[in-house]
PDB file of N, CA and C in Angstrom:
ATOM      1  N   MET A   1       0.802  -0.906   0.472  1.00  0.00           N
ATOM      2  CA  MET A   1       0.158   0.327   0.264  1.00  0.00           C
ATOM      3  C   MET A   1       0.740   1.236  -0.158  1.00  0.00           C
ATOM      4  N   ALA A   2       2.405   1.527   0.793  1.00  0.00           N
ATOM      5  CA  ALA A   2       3.010   2.472   1.096  1.00  0.00           C
ATOM      6  C   ALA A   2       3.254   2.522  -0.487  1.00  0.00           C
ATOM      7  N   ASP A   3       3.974   1.661  -1.030  1.00  0.00           N
ATOM      8  CA  ASP A   3       4.152   1.663  -2.362  1.00  0.00           C
ATOM      9  C   ASP A   3       3.484   2.548  -3.343  1.00  0.00           C
ATOM     10  N   THR A   4       2.300   2.289  -3.482  1.00  0.00           N
ATOM     11  CA  THR A   4       1.346   3.200  -3.802  1.00  0.00           C
ATOM     12  C   THR A   4       0.463   4.667  -3.861  1.00  0.00           C
ATOM     13  N   VAL A   5       1.249   4.669  -2.277  1.00  0.00           N
ATOM     14  CA  VAL A   5       0.579   6.311  -2.088  1.00  0.00           C
ATOM     15  C   VAL A   5       2.563   6.916  -2.573  1.00  0.00           C
ATOM     16  N   ILE A   6       3.041   6.606  -2.394  1.00  0.00           N
ATOM     17  CA  ILE A   6       4.498   6.473  -3.191  1.00  0.00           C
ATOM     18  C   ILE A   6       4.559   7.585  -5.028  1.00  0.00           C
ATOM     19  N   PHE A   7       3.997   6.585  -5.305  1.00  0.00           N
ATOM     20  CA  PHE A   7       3.581   6.642  -6.716  1.00  0.00           C
ATOM     21  C   PHE A   7       3.111   7.196  -6.743  1.00  0.00           C
ATOM     22  N   HIS A   8       1.456   7.511  -6.738  1.00  0.00           N
ATOM     23  CA  HIS A   8       1.497   9.081  -6.585  1.00  0.00           C
ATOM     24  C   HIS A   8       1.667  10.122  -6.479  1.00  0.00           C
ATOM     25  N   ILE A   9       2.109  10.551  -5.610  1.00  0.00           N
ATOM     26  CA  ILE A   9       2.813  11.364  -5.300  1.00  0.00           C
ATOM     27  C   ILE A   9       4.123  11.840  -6.164  1.00  0.00           C
ATOM     28  N   ASN A  10       4.876  10.669  -6.353  1.00  0.00           N
ATOM     29  CA  ASN A  10       5.923  11.056  -8.200  1.00  0.00           C
ATOM     30  C   ASN A  10       4.693  11.679  -9.013  1.00  0.00           C
ATOM     31  N   LYS A  11       3.625  10.783  -9.003  1.00  0.00           N
ATOM     32  CA  LYS A  11       2.553  10.959 -10.304  1.00  0.00           C
ATOM     33  C   LYS A  11       2.678  12.325 -10.257  1.00  0.00           C
ATOM     34  N   GLU A  12       1.999  12.860  -9.185  1.00  0.00           N
ATOM     35  CA  GLU A  12       2.043  14.035  -8.620  1.00  0.00           C
ATOM     36  C   GLU A  12       2.506  15.558  -9.279  1.00  0.00           C
ATOM     37  N   MET A  13       3.802  14.914  -8.507  1.00  0.00           N
ATOM     38  CA  MET A  13       5.229  15.993  -8.969  1.00  0.00           C
ATOM     39  C   MET A  13       5.250  15.797  -9.858  1.00  0.00           C
ATOM     40  N   THR A  14       5.604  14.805 -10.886  1.00  0.00           N
ATOM     41  CA  THR A  14       5.804  15.014 -12.297  1.00  0.00           C
ATOM     42  C   THR A  14       5.098  15.805 -13.197  1.00  0.00           C
ATOM     43  N   THR A  15       3.492  15.799 -12.496  1.00  0.00           N
ATOM     44  CA  THR A  15       2.500  16.826 -13.339  1.00  0.00           C
ATOM     45  C   THR A  15       3.153  18.420 -13.201  1.00  0.00           C
ATOM     46  N   MET A  16       3.197  18.390 -11.844  1.00  0.00           N
ATOM     47  CA  MET A  16       3.421  19.983 -11.465  1.00  0.00           C
ATOM     48  C   MET A  16       4.753  20.182 -12.147  1.00  0.00           C
ATOM     49  N   THR A  17       5.803  19.471 -12.321  1.00  0.00           N
ATOM     50  CA  THR A  17       7.042  19.335 -13.033  1.00  0.00           C
ATOM     51  C   THR A  17       7.135  20.191 -14.437  1.00  0.00           C
ATOM     52  N   ASN A  18       6.122  19.366 -14.918  1.00  0.00           N
ATOM     53  CA  ASN A  18       5.660  19.776 -16.418  1.00  0.00           C
ATOM     54  C   ASN A  18       4.383  20.866 -16.342  1.00  0.00           C
ATOM     55  N   ALA A  19       3.381  21.623 -15.711  1.00  0.00           N
ATOM     56  CA  ALA A  19       2.871  22.348 -15.857  1.00  0.00           C
ATOM     57  C   ALA A  19       3.900  23.424 -15.719  1.00  0.00           C
ATOM     58  N   LEU A  20       4.671  23.386 -14.854  1.00  0.00           N
ATOM     59  CA  LEU A  20       5.823  24.857 -14.358  1.00  0.00           C
ATOM     60  C   LEU A  20       6.588  24.938 -15.858  1.00  0.00           C
ATOM     61  N   GLU A  21       7.190  23.567 -16.514  1.00  0.00           N
ATOM     62  CA  GLU A  21       8.422  24.212 -17.585  1.00  0.00           C
ATOM     63  C   GLU A  21       7.056  24.179 -18.857  1.00  0.00           C
ATOM     64  N   ASN A  22       6.260  24.478 -18.506  1.00  0.00           N
ATOM     65  CA  ASN A  22       5.007  25.169 -19.628  1.00  0.00           C
ATOM     66  C   ASN A  22       4.456  26.482 -19.874  1.00  0.00           C
ATOM     67  N   HIS A  23       4.919  26.820 -17.973  1.00  0.00           N
ATOM     68  CA  HIS A  23       4.696  27.814 -17.345  1.00  0.00           C
ATOM     69  C   HIS A  23       5.676  28.578 -17.458  1.00  0.00           C
ATOM     70  N   ILE A  24       6.524  28.386 -17.821  1.00  0.00           N
ATOM     71  CA  ILE A  24       8.122  29.077 -17.518  1.00  0.00           C
ATOM     72  C   ILE A  24       8.074  29.240 -19.510  1.00  0.00           C
ATOM     73  N   GLU A  25       7.646  28.292 -20.192  1.00  0.00           N
ATOM     74  CA  GLU A  25       7.863  28.580 -22.077  1.00  0.00           C
ATOM     75  C   GLU A  25       6.655  29.477 -22.407  1.00  0.00           C
ATOM     76  N   GLU A  26       5.525  29.523 -21.763  1.00  0.00           N
ATOM     77  CA  GLU A  26       4.405  30.488 -21.670  1.00  0.00           C
ATOM     78  C   GLU A  26       5.498  32.316 -21.779  1.00  0.00           C
ATOM     79  N   LEU A  27       5.528  32.391 -19.914  1.00  0.00           N
ATOM     80  CA  LEU A  27       6.103  33.109 -19.716  1.00  0.00           C
ATOM     81  C   LEU A  27       7.112  33.742 -20.259  1.00  0.00           C
ATOM     82  N   ARG A  28       8.182  33.133 -21.214  1.00  0.00           N
ATOM     83  CA  ARG A  28       9.417  33.354 -21.791  1.00  0.00           C
ATOM     84  C   ARG A  28       8.681  34.259 -23.306  1.00  0.00           C
ATOM     85  N   ARG A  29       8.104  33.536 -23.873  1.00  0.00           N
ATOM     86  CA  ARG A  29       7.312  33.302 -25.108  1.00  0.00           C
ATOM     87  C   ARG A  29       6.549  35.048 -25.039  1.00  0.00           C
ATOM     88  N   GLU A  30       5.471  35.059 -23.644  1.00  0.00           N
ATOM     89  CA  GLU A  30       5.513  36.394 -23.088  1.00  0.00           C
ATOM     90  C   GLU A  30       6.685  37.089 -23.637  1.00  0.00           C
ATOM     91  N   ALA A  31       8.141  37.053 -23.046  1.00  0.00           N
ATOM     92  CA  ALA A  31       8.776  38.311 -22.608  1.00  0.00           C
ATOM     93  C   ALA A  31       8.976  38.412 -24.020  1.00  0.00           C
ATOM     94  N   ASN A  32       9.364  37.637 -24.861  1.00  0.00           N
ATOM     95  CA  ASN A  32       9.586  38.359 -26.261  1.00  0.00           C
ATOM     96  C   ASN A  32       9.029  39.273 -27.202  1.00  0.00           C
ATOM     97  N   HIS A  33       7.562  39.032 -26.573  1.00  0.00           N
ATOM     98  CA  HIS A  33       6.314  40.329 -27.190  1.00  0.00           C
ATOM     99  C   HIS A  33       5.923  41.144 -26.547  1.00  0.00           C
ATOM    100  N   CYS A  34       6.694  41.707 -25.224  1.00  0.00           N
ATOM    101  CA  CYS A  34       5.686  42.609 -24.435  1.00  0.00           C
ATOM    102  C   CYS A  34       6.571  43.847 -24.920  1.00  0.00           C
ATOM    103  N   ASP A  35       5.235  45.125 -23.459  1.00  0.00           N
ATOM    104  CA  ASP A  35       6.580  46.122 -24.312  1.00  0.00           C
ATOM    105  C   ASP A  35       7.411  46.195 -22.570  1.00  0.00           C
ATOM    106  N   PRO A  36       8.254  47.197 -22.122  1.00  0.00           N
ATOM    107  CA  PRO A  36       8.888  47.397 -21.282  1.00  0.00           C
ATOM    108  C   PRO A  36       8.245  47.229 -20.222  1.00  0.00           C
ATOM    109  N   ALA A  37       7.437  48.254 -20.135  1.00  0.00           N
ATOM    110  CA  ALA A  37       6.522  48.141 -18.586  1.00  0.00           C
ATOM    111  C   ALA A  37       6.197  46.691 -18.504  1.00  0.00           C
ATOM    112  N   GLU A  38       5.514  46.363 -18.976  1.00  0.00           N
ATOM    113  CA  GLU A  38       4.919  44.561 -18.400  1.00  0.00           C
ATOM    114  C   GLU A  38       6.011  43.479 -18.718  1.00  0.00           C
ATOM    115  N   SER A  39       7.270  43.973 -19.053  1.00  0.00           N
ATOM    116  CA  SER A  39       8.562  42.976 -19.293  1.00  0.00           C
ATOM    117  C   SER A  39       8.917  42.658 -17.725  1.00  0.00           C
ATOM    118  N   ALA A  40       8.872  43.925 -17.059  1.00  0.00           N
ATOM    119  CA  ALA A  40       9.502  43.470 -15.433  1.00  0.00           C
ATOM    120  C   ALA A  40       8.962  42.195 -14.869  1.00  0.00           C
ATOM    121  N   GLN A  41       7.831  42.478 -15.160  1.00  0.00           N
ATOM    122  CA  GLN A  41       6.442  41.950 -14.008  1.00  0.00           C
ATOM    123  C   GLN A  41       6.594  40.010 -14.718  1.00  0.00           C
ATOM    124  N   ILE A  42       6.765  40.098 -15.773  1.00  0.00           N
ATOM    125  CA  ILE A  42       7.195  39.019 -16.633  1.00  0.00           C
ATOM    126  C   ILE A  42       8.471  38.277 -16.485  1.00  0.00           C
ATOM    127  N   GLU A  43       9.271  38.870 -15.844  1.00  0.00           N
ATOM    128  CA  GLU A  43      10.590  38.843 -15.143  1.00  0.00           C
ATOM    129  C   GLU A  43      10.652  37.863 -14.205  1.00  0.00           C
ATOM    130  N   ALA A  44      10.080  39.384 -13.175  1.00  0.00           N
ATOM    131  CA  ALA A  44       9.571  38.181 -11.922  1.00  0.00           C
ATOM    132  C   ALA A  44       8.920  37.077 -11.995  1.00  0.00           C
ATOM    133  N   GLU A  45       7.927  36.840 -12.578  1.00  0.00           N
ATOM    134  CA  GLU A  45       7.103  35.647 -12.960  1.00  0.00           C
ATOM    135  C   GLU A  45       7.563  35.040 -12.603  1.00  0.00           C
ATOM    136  N   LEU A  46       8.587  35.014 -14.319  1.00  0.00           N
ATOM    137  CA  LEU A  46       9.785  33.783 -14.631  1.00  0.00           C
ATOM    138  C   LEU A  46      10.559  33.028 -13.615  1.00  0.00           C
ATOM    139  N   GLU A  47      11.391  34.282 -13.090  1.00  0.00           N
ATOM    140  CA  GLU A  47      12.517  34.104 -11.410  1.00  0.00           C
ATOM    141  C   GLU A  47      11.093  32.924 -10.701  1.00  0.00           C
ATOM    142  N   GLN A  48      10.048  33.355 -10.453  1.00  0.00           N
ATOM    143  CA  GLN A  48       9.244  32.754  -9.724  1.00  0.00           C
ATOM    144  C   GLN A  48       8.544  31.172  -9.835  1.00  0.00           C
ATOM    145  N   ALA A  49       9.037  31.403 -10.951  1.00  0.00           N
ATOM    146  CA  ALA A  49       8.255  29.920 -11.431  1.00  0.00           C
ATOM    147  C   ALA A  49       9.466  29.039 -11.357  1.00  0.00           C
ATOM    148  N   ARG A  50      10.960  29.791 -12.128  1.00  0.00           N
ATOM    149  CA  ARG A  50      12.320  28.760 -12.554  1.00  0.00           C
ATOM    150  C   ARG A  50      12.768  28.419 -10.831  1.00  0.00           C
ATOM    151  N   ALA A  51      12.653  28.991  -9.811  1.00  0.00           N
ATOM    152  CA  ALA A  51      13.000  28.962  -8.494  1.00  0.00           C
ATOM    153  C   ALA A  51      11.573  27.496  -8.616  1.00  0.00           C
ATOM    154  N   GLU A  52      10.230  27.884  -7.486  1.00  0.00           N
ATOM    155  CA  GLU A  52       9.780  26.998  -7.896  1.00  0.00           C
ATOM    156  C   GLU A  52       9.642  25.537  -8.191  1.00  0.00           C
ATOM    157  N   LEU A  53      10.090  25.402  -9.674  1.00  0.00           N
ATOM    158  CA  LEU A  53      10.629  24.354 -10.468  1.00  0.00           C
ATOM    159  C   LEU A  53      12.015  23.965 -10.126  1.00  0.00           C
ATOM    160  N   ALA A  54      13.103  24.065  -9.695  1.00  0.00           N
ATOM    161  CA  ALA A  54      14.421  24.281  -9.315  1.00  0.00           C
ATOM    162  C   ALA A  54      13.634  23.512  -7.818  1.00  0.00           C
ATOM    163  N   ALA A  55      12.781  23.726  -7.098  1.00  0.00           N
ATOM    164  CA  ALA A  55      12.935  23.695  -5.543  1.00  0.00           C
ATOM    165  C   ALA A  55      11.770  22.078  -5.829  1.00  0.00           C
ATOM    166  N   LEU A  56      11.323  21.803  -6.830  1.00  0.00           N
ATOM    167  CA  LEU A  56      10.711  20.534  -6.933  1.00  0.00           C
ATOM    168  C   LEU A  56      11.165  19.660  -7.120  1.00  0.00           C
ATOM    169  N   ILE A  57      11.941  19.880  -8.113  1.00  0.00           N
ATOM    170  CA  ILE A  57      13.144  18.640  -8.489  1.00  0.00           C
ATOM    171  C   ILE A  57      14.136  18.588  -7.255  1.00  0.00           C
ATOM    172  N   ALA A  58      14.296  19.588  -6.823  1.00  0.00           N
ATOM    173  CA  ALA A  58      15.573  18.963  -5.461  1.00  0.00           C
ATOM    174  C   ALA A  58      14.554  18.136  -4.419  1.00  0.00           C
ATOM    175  N   ALA A  59      13.201  18.171  -4.513  1.00  0.00           N
ATOM    176  CA  ALA A  59      13.074  17.445  -3.610  1.00  0.00           C
ATOM    177  C   ALA A  59      12.347  16.041  -3.980  1.00  0.00           C
ATOM    178  N   GLU A  60      12.351  16.011  -5.885  1.00  0.00           N
ATOM    179  CA  GLU A  60      11.970  14.693  -6.648  1.00  0.00           C
ATOM    180  C   GLU A  60      13.345  14.326  -6.448  1.00  0.00           C
ATOM    181  N   GLU A  61      15.079  14.629  -6.727  1.00  0.00           N
ATOM    182  CA  GLU A  61      16.222  13.977  -6.352  1.00  0.00           C
ATOM    183  C   GLU A  61      16.141  13.273  -5.043  1.00  0.00           C
ATOM    184  N   ALA A  62      15.648  14.373  -3.619  1.00  0.00           N
ATOM    185  CA  ALA A  62      15.636  13.818  -2.521  1.00  0.00           C
ATOM    186  C   ALA A  62      15.478  12.419  -1.853  1.00  0.00           C
ATOM    187  N   GLU A  63      14.167  12.041  -2.671  1.00  0.00           N
ATOM    188  CA  GLU A  63      13.522  11.036  -2.559  1.00  0.00           C
ATOM    189  C   GLU A  63      14.052   9.766  -2.806  1.00  0.00           C
ATOM    190  N   PRO A  64      14.354   8.752  -1.240  1.00  0.00           N
ATOM    191  CA  PRO A  64      14.409   8.115  -1.670  1.00  0.00           C
ATOM    192  C   PRO A  64      14.498   7.192  -2.820  1.00  0.00           C
ATOM    193  N   PRO A  65      14.864   6.224  -3.473  1.00  0.00           N
ATOM    194  CA  PRO A  65      14.642   5.093  -4.512  1.00  0.00           C
ATOM    195  C   PRO A  65      13.906   4.193  -4.004  1.00  0.00           C
ATOM    196  N   HIS A  66      12.867   3.993  -4.683  1.00  0.00           N
ATOM    197  CA  HIS A  66      12.233   3.258  -4.534  1.00  0.00           C
ATOM    198  C   HIS A  66      12.360   1.500  -5.835  1.00  0.00           C
TER     199      HIS A  66
END
């Protein structure tokens, strides 16, 4: 039973990682086509998304092997 719970956590983390990667890509595209006023806001969002992704990847890597 514990293995099943761990599987769901890993699947959820993978889904979250994919969602963050997609969000980062969207922000990159937006940053390429915006005015300077929007650029700072988008860069801040991009930095936050990258930090969240790095934290999620670190958490995944810190998990013991199954």
